C-alpha atoms as a PDB file:
ATOM      1  CA  MET A   1       0.000   0.000   0.000  1.00  0.00           C
ATOM      2  CA  ASP A   2       1.117   3.509  -0.707  1.00  0.00           C
ATOM      3  CA  PRO A   3       1.812   5.093   2.709  1.00  0.00           C
ATOM      4  CA  ASN A   4       1.270   8.527   1.171  1.00  0.00           C
ATOM      5  CA  ILE A   5      -2.337   7.852   0.190  1.00  0.00           C
ATOM      6  CA  ASN A   6      -4.552  10.814   1.047  1.00  0.00           C
ATOM      7  CA  LEU A   7      -8.137   9.585   1.419  1.00  0.00           C
ATOM      8  CA  SER A   8      -9.423  13.149   1.602  1.00  0.00           C
ATOM      9  CA  SER A   9      -8.104  14.008  -1.875  1.00  0.00           C
ATOM     10  CA  PRO A  10     -10.537  14.569  -4.760  1.00  0.00           C
ATOM     11  CA  GLU A  11      -9.126  11.409  -6.346  1.00  0.00           C
ATOM     12  CA  PHE A  12     -11.009   9.333  -3.752  1.00  0.00           C
ATOM     13  CA  ASN A  13     -13.950  11.630  -2.938  1.00  0.00           C
ATOM     14  CA  TYR A  14     -16.921  12.831  -4.908  1.00  0.00           C
ATOM     15  CA  LYS A  15     -19.880  15.086  -4.224  1.00  0.00           C
ATOM     16  CA  GLY A  16     -22.394  16.055  -6.839  1.00  0.00           C
ATOM     17  CA  ALA A  17     -25.353  15.041  -8.991  1.00  0.00           C
ATOM     18  CA  GLY A  18     -27.202  13.167  -6.241  1.00  0.00           C
ATOM     19  CA  LEU A  19     -24.231  11.120  -5.067  1.00  0.00           C
ATOM     20  CA  GLU A  20     -21.500  11.439  -2.442  1.00  0.00           C
ATOM     21  CA  ILE A  21     -18.538   9.105  -1.910  1.00  0.00           C
ATOM     22  CA  HIS A  22     -16.188   9.484   1.049  1.00  0.00           C
ATOM     23  CA  PRO A  23     -13.607   6.891   2.143  1.00  0.00           C
ATOM     24  CA  ARG A  24     -12.291   6.897   5.706  1.00  0.00           C
ATOM     25  CA  ILE A  25     -10.142   4.862   8.065  1.00  0.00           C
ATOM     26  CA  ASP A  26     -10.802   6.725  11.310  1.00  0.00           C
ATOM     27  CA  GLY A  27     -12.909   5.714  14.275  1.00  0.00           C
ATOM     28  CA  HIS A  28     -12.532   1.948  14.006  1.00  0.00           C
ATOM     29  CA  PRO A  29      -9.506   0.548  15.862  1.00  0.00           C
ATOM     30  CA  GLU A  30     -10.235  -2.984  14.566  1.00  0.00           C
ATOM     31  CA  LEU A  31     -10.122  -1.894  10.917  1.00  0.00           C
ATOM     32  CA  PRO A  32      -7.401  -3.889   9.110  1.00  0.00           C
ATOM     33  CA  GLU A  33      -4.346  -1.948   7.945  1.00  0.00           C
ATOM     34  CA  ASN A  34      -5.331  -2.440   4.309  1.00  0.00           C
ATOM     35  CA  GLY A  35      -9.013  -1.744   5.024  1.00  0.00           C
ATOM     36  CA  VAL A  36     -11.135   1.290   4.264  1.00  0.00           C
ATOM     37  CA  ILE A  37     -14.734   2.292   4.923  1.00  0.00           C
ATOM     38  CA  ILE A  38     -16.438   3.940   1.962  1.00  0.00           C
ATOM     39  CA  ASP A  39     -19.550   5.972   2.762  1.00  0.00           C
ATOM     40  CA  ILE A  40     -21.869   6.234  -0.248  1.00  0.00           C
ATOM     41  CA  LYS A  41     -24.853   8.564  -0.038  1.00  0.00           C
ATOM     42  CA  GLY A  42     -27.601   9.332  -2.530  1.00  0.00           C
ATOM     43  CA  ASP A  43     -28.522   7.357  -5.645  1.00  0.00           C
ATOM     44  CA  LEU A  44     -26.359   4.747  -7.355  1.00  0.00           C
ATOM     45  CA  ASN A  45     -27.586   4.391 -10.919  1.00  0.00           C
ATOM     46  CA  LEU A  46     -26.396   4.042 -14.497  1.00  0.00           C
ATOM     47  CA  TYR A  47     -25.065   7.610 -14.483  1.00  0.00           C
ATOM     48  CA  SER A  48     -23.295   7.602 -11.110  1.00  0.00           C
ATOM     49  CA  THR A  49     -21.943   4.036 -11.136  1.00  0.00           C
ATOM     50  CA  PRO A  50     -18.830   4.817 -13.244  1.00  0.00           C
ATOM     51  CA  ARG A  51     -17.711   7.329 -10.571  1.00  0.00           C
ATOM     52  CA  VAL A  52     -18.120   4.729  -7.794  1.00  0.00           C
ATOM     53  CA  LYS A  53     -16.350   2.030  -9.807  1.00  0.00           C
ATOM     54  CA  ASN A  54     -13.476   4.404 -10.596  1.00  0.00           C
ATOM     55  CA  ILE A  55     -12.956   5.354  -6.936  1.00  0.00           C
ATOM     56  CA  LEU A  56     -13.198   1.756  -5.693  1.00  0.00           C
ATOM     57  CA  ASN A  57     -10.647   0.619  -8.273  1.00  0.00           C
ATOM     58  CA  LYS A  58      -8.287   3.467  -7.331  1.00  0.00           C
ATOM     59  CA  LEU A  59      -8.542   2.406  -3.678  1.00  0.00           C
ATOM     60  CA  VAL A  60      -7.698  -1.182  -4.646  1.00  0.00           C
ATOM     61  CA  ASP A  61      -4.799   0.044  -6.823  1.00  0.00           C
ATOM     62  CA  SER A  62      -3.461   1.957  -3.810  1.00  0.00           C
ATOM     63  CA  GLY A  63      -3.451  -1.223  -1.675  1.00  0.00           C
ATOM     64  CA  LYS A  64      -6.815  -1.019   0.066  1.00  0.00           C
ATOM     65  CA  LEU A  65      -7.937  -4.638  -0.327  1.00  0.00           C
ATOM     66  CA  LYS A  66     -10.619  -4.803   2.369  1.00  0.00           C
ATOM     67  CA  LEU A  67     -13.493  -2.552   1.376  1.00  0.00           C
ATOM     68  CA  TYR A  68     -16.372  -1.883   3.745  1.00  0.00           C
ATOM     69  CA  ILE A  69     -19.084  -0.172   1.700  1.00  0.00           C
ATOM     70  CA  ASN A  70     -21.393   1.772   4.032  1.00  0.00           C
ATOM     71  CA  LEU A  71     -24.798   2.095   2.354  1.00  0.00           C
ATOM     72  CA  GLU A  72     -26.885   3.358   5.268  1.00  0.00           C
ATOM     73  CA  ASN A  73     -27.511   6.628   3.393  1.00  0.00           C
ATOM     74  CA  LEU A  74     -27.944   5.172  -0.082  1.00  0.00           C
ATOM     75  CA  ASN A  75     -31.495   5.814  -1.272  1.00  0.00           C
ATOM     76  CA  TYR A  76     -31.446   3.864  -4.520  1.00  0.00           C
ATOM     77  CA  ILE A  77     -29.371   1.268  -6.358  1.00  0.00           C
ATOM     78  CA  ASP A  78     -29.925  -0.289  -9.759  1.00  0.00           C
ATOM     79  CA  SER A  79     -28.328  -3.211 -11.558  1.00  0.00           C
ATOM     80  CA  SER A  80     -25.341  -1.150 -12.717  1.00  0.00           C
ATOM     81  CA  GLY A  81     -24.471  -0.298  -9.100  1.00  0.00           C
ATOM     82  CA  ILE A  82     -24.766  -3.911  -7.998  1.00  0.00           C
ATOM     83  CA  GLY A  83     -22.716  -4.945 -11.032  1.00  0.00           C
ATOM     84  CA  ALA A  84     -19.963  -2.513 -10.033  1.00  0.00           C
ATOM     85  CA  PHE A  85     -19.785  -4.049  -6.546  1.00  0.00           C
ATOM     86  CA  LEU A  86     -19.686  -7.587  -7.987  1.00  0.00           C
ATOM     87  CA  GLY A  87     -16.919  -6.611 -10.425  1.00  0.00           C
ATOM     88  CA  VAL A  88     -14.729  -5.049  -7.727  1.00  0.00           C
ATOM     89  CA  GLN A  89     -15.445  -7.989  -5.419  1.00  0.00           C
ATOM     90  CA  SER A  90     -14.285 -10.410  -8.132  1.00  0.00           C
ATOM     91  CA  ARG A  91     -11.065  -8.429  -8.590  1.00  0.00           C
ATOM     92  CA  LEU A  92     -10.462  -8.347  -4.814  1.00  0.00           C
ATOM     93  CA  LYS A  93     -10.946 -12.122  -4.434  1.00  0.00           C
ATOM     94  CA  LYS A  94      -8.002 -12.666  -6.790  1.00  0.00           C
ATOM     95  CA  MET A  95      -5.902 -10.445  -4.502  1.00  0.00           C
ATOM     96  CA  ASP A  96      -6.997 -12.078  -1.197  1.00  0.00           C
ATOM     97  CA  GLY A  97      -9.196  -9.104  -0.421  1.00  0.00           C
ATOM     98  CA  PHE A  98     -12.925  -8.591  -0.081  1.00  0.00           C
ATOM     99  CA  LEU A  99     -15.815  -6.193  -0.384  1.00  0.00           C
ATOM    100  CA  LYS A 100     -18.511  -6.081   2.294  1.00  0.00           C
ATOM    101  CA  ILE A 101     -21.820  -4.243   2.039  1.00  0.00           C
ATOM    102  CA  CYS A 102     -22.572  -2.563   5.374  1.00  0.00           C
ATOM    103  CA  ALA A 103     -25.836  -1.201   6.791  1.00  0.00           C
ATOM    104  CA  PRO A 104     -27.823  -1.197   3.555  1.00  0.00           C
ATOM    105  CA  SER A 105     -30.895   1.020   3.689  1.00  0.00           C
ATOM    106  CA  LYS A 106     -34.307  -0.660   3.511  1.00  0.00           C
ATOM    107  CA  GLN A 107     -34.611   0.178  -0.165  1.00  0.00           C
ATOM    108  CA  VAL A 108     -31.176  -1.197  -1.056  1.00  0.00           C
ATOM    109  CA  LEU A 109     -31.693  -4.351   1.006  1.00  0.00           C
ATOM    110  CA  ALA A 110     -35.003  -4.939  -0.782  1.00  0.00           C
ATOM    111  CA  VAL A 111     -33.268  -4.742  -4.177  1.00  0.00           C
ATOM    112  CA  LEU A 112     -30.508  -7.129  -3.034  1.00  0.00           C
ATOM    113  CA  GLU A 113     -33.087  -9.616  -1.774  1.00  0.00           C
ATOM    114  CA  LEU A 114     -35.377  -9.272  -4.806  1.00  0.00           C
ATOM    115  CA  THR A 115     -32.505  -9.923  -7.224  1.00  0.00           C
ATOM    116  CA  LYS A 116     -31.158 -12.748  -5.035  1.00  0.00           C
ATOM    117  CA  LEU A 117     -27.778 -10.990  -5.095  1.00  0.00           C
ATOM    118  CA  LYS A 118     -27.668 -10.665  -1.321  1.00  0.00           C
ATOM    119  CA  SER A 119     -26.207 -14.189  -1.272  1.00  0.00           C
ATOM    120  CA  MET A 120     -23.423 -13.176  -3.683  1.00  0.00           C
ATOM    121  CA  LEU A 121     -22.333 -10.162  -1.652  1.00  0.00           C
ATOM    122  CA  ARG A 122     -21.254 -10.115   1.981  1.00  0.00           C
ATOM    123  CA  VAL A 123     -23.916  -8.052   3.747  1.00  0.00           C
ATOM    124  CA  SER A 124     -23.698  -6.889   7.376  1.00  0.00           C
ATOM    125  CA  LYS A 125     -26.138  -4.905   9.510  1.00  0.00           C
ATOM    126  CA  SER A 126     -23.455  -2.359  10.429  1.00  0.00           C
ATOM    127  CA  VAL A 127     -19.894  -1.339   9.657  1.00  0.00           C
ATOM    128  CA  GLU A 128     -18.879  -2.568  13.120  1.00  0.00           C
ATOM    129  CA  ASP A 129     -20.388  -6.031  12.489  1.00  0.00           C
ATOM    130  CA  ALA A 130     -18.619  -6.248   9.138  1.00  0.00           C
ATOM    131  CA  ILE A 131     -15.242  -5.315  10.613  1.00  0.00           C
ATOM    132  CA  ARG A 132     -15.607  -7.831  13.468  1.00  0.00           C
ATOM    133  CA  SER A 133     -16.838 -10.602  11.148  1.00  0.00           C
ATOM    134  CA  LYS A 134     -14.134 -12.947   9.914  1.00  0.00           C
ATOM    135  CA  ILE A 135     -16.283 -14.163   7.010  1.00  0.00           C
END
């Protein structure tokens, strides 16, 4: 991992057009060294998914191989958003990493259950549960 990575830089953050993305490593002493929590707020759709995918891939490229995606403030997700998570998860598996969906909103959880994709993604009730979970 690049020790000079600045998670507050515009390279890893986005705010605009109904979507916000903010990675962080603070506040969780059990967070693995190569882990990062990514807060995503707003709507994840065909138009905003490329931004999310780009940021997640940049985090992986910088050595963050344990991604905790906090979706408690995500209002909407469509198939392109779910596809982005599955694609990054597939890449991470090859690198002994993982992607965990944390605290999905009611709406997002309903989509994951309806599409039967909840079983393909690691889903936890909270960021804390996901960090403590060894699965």
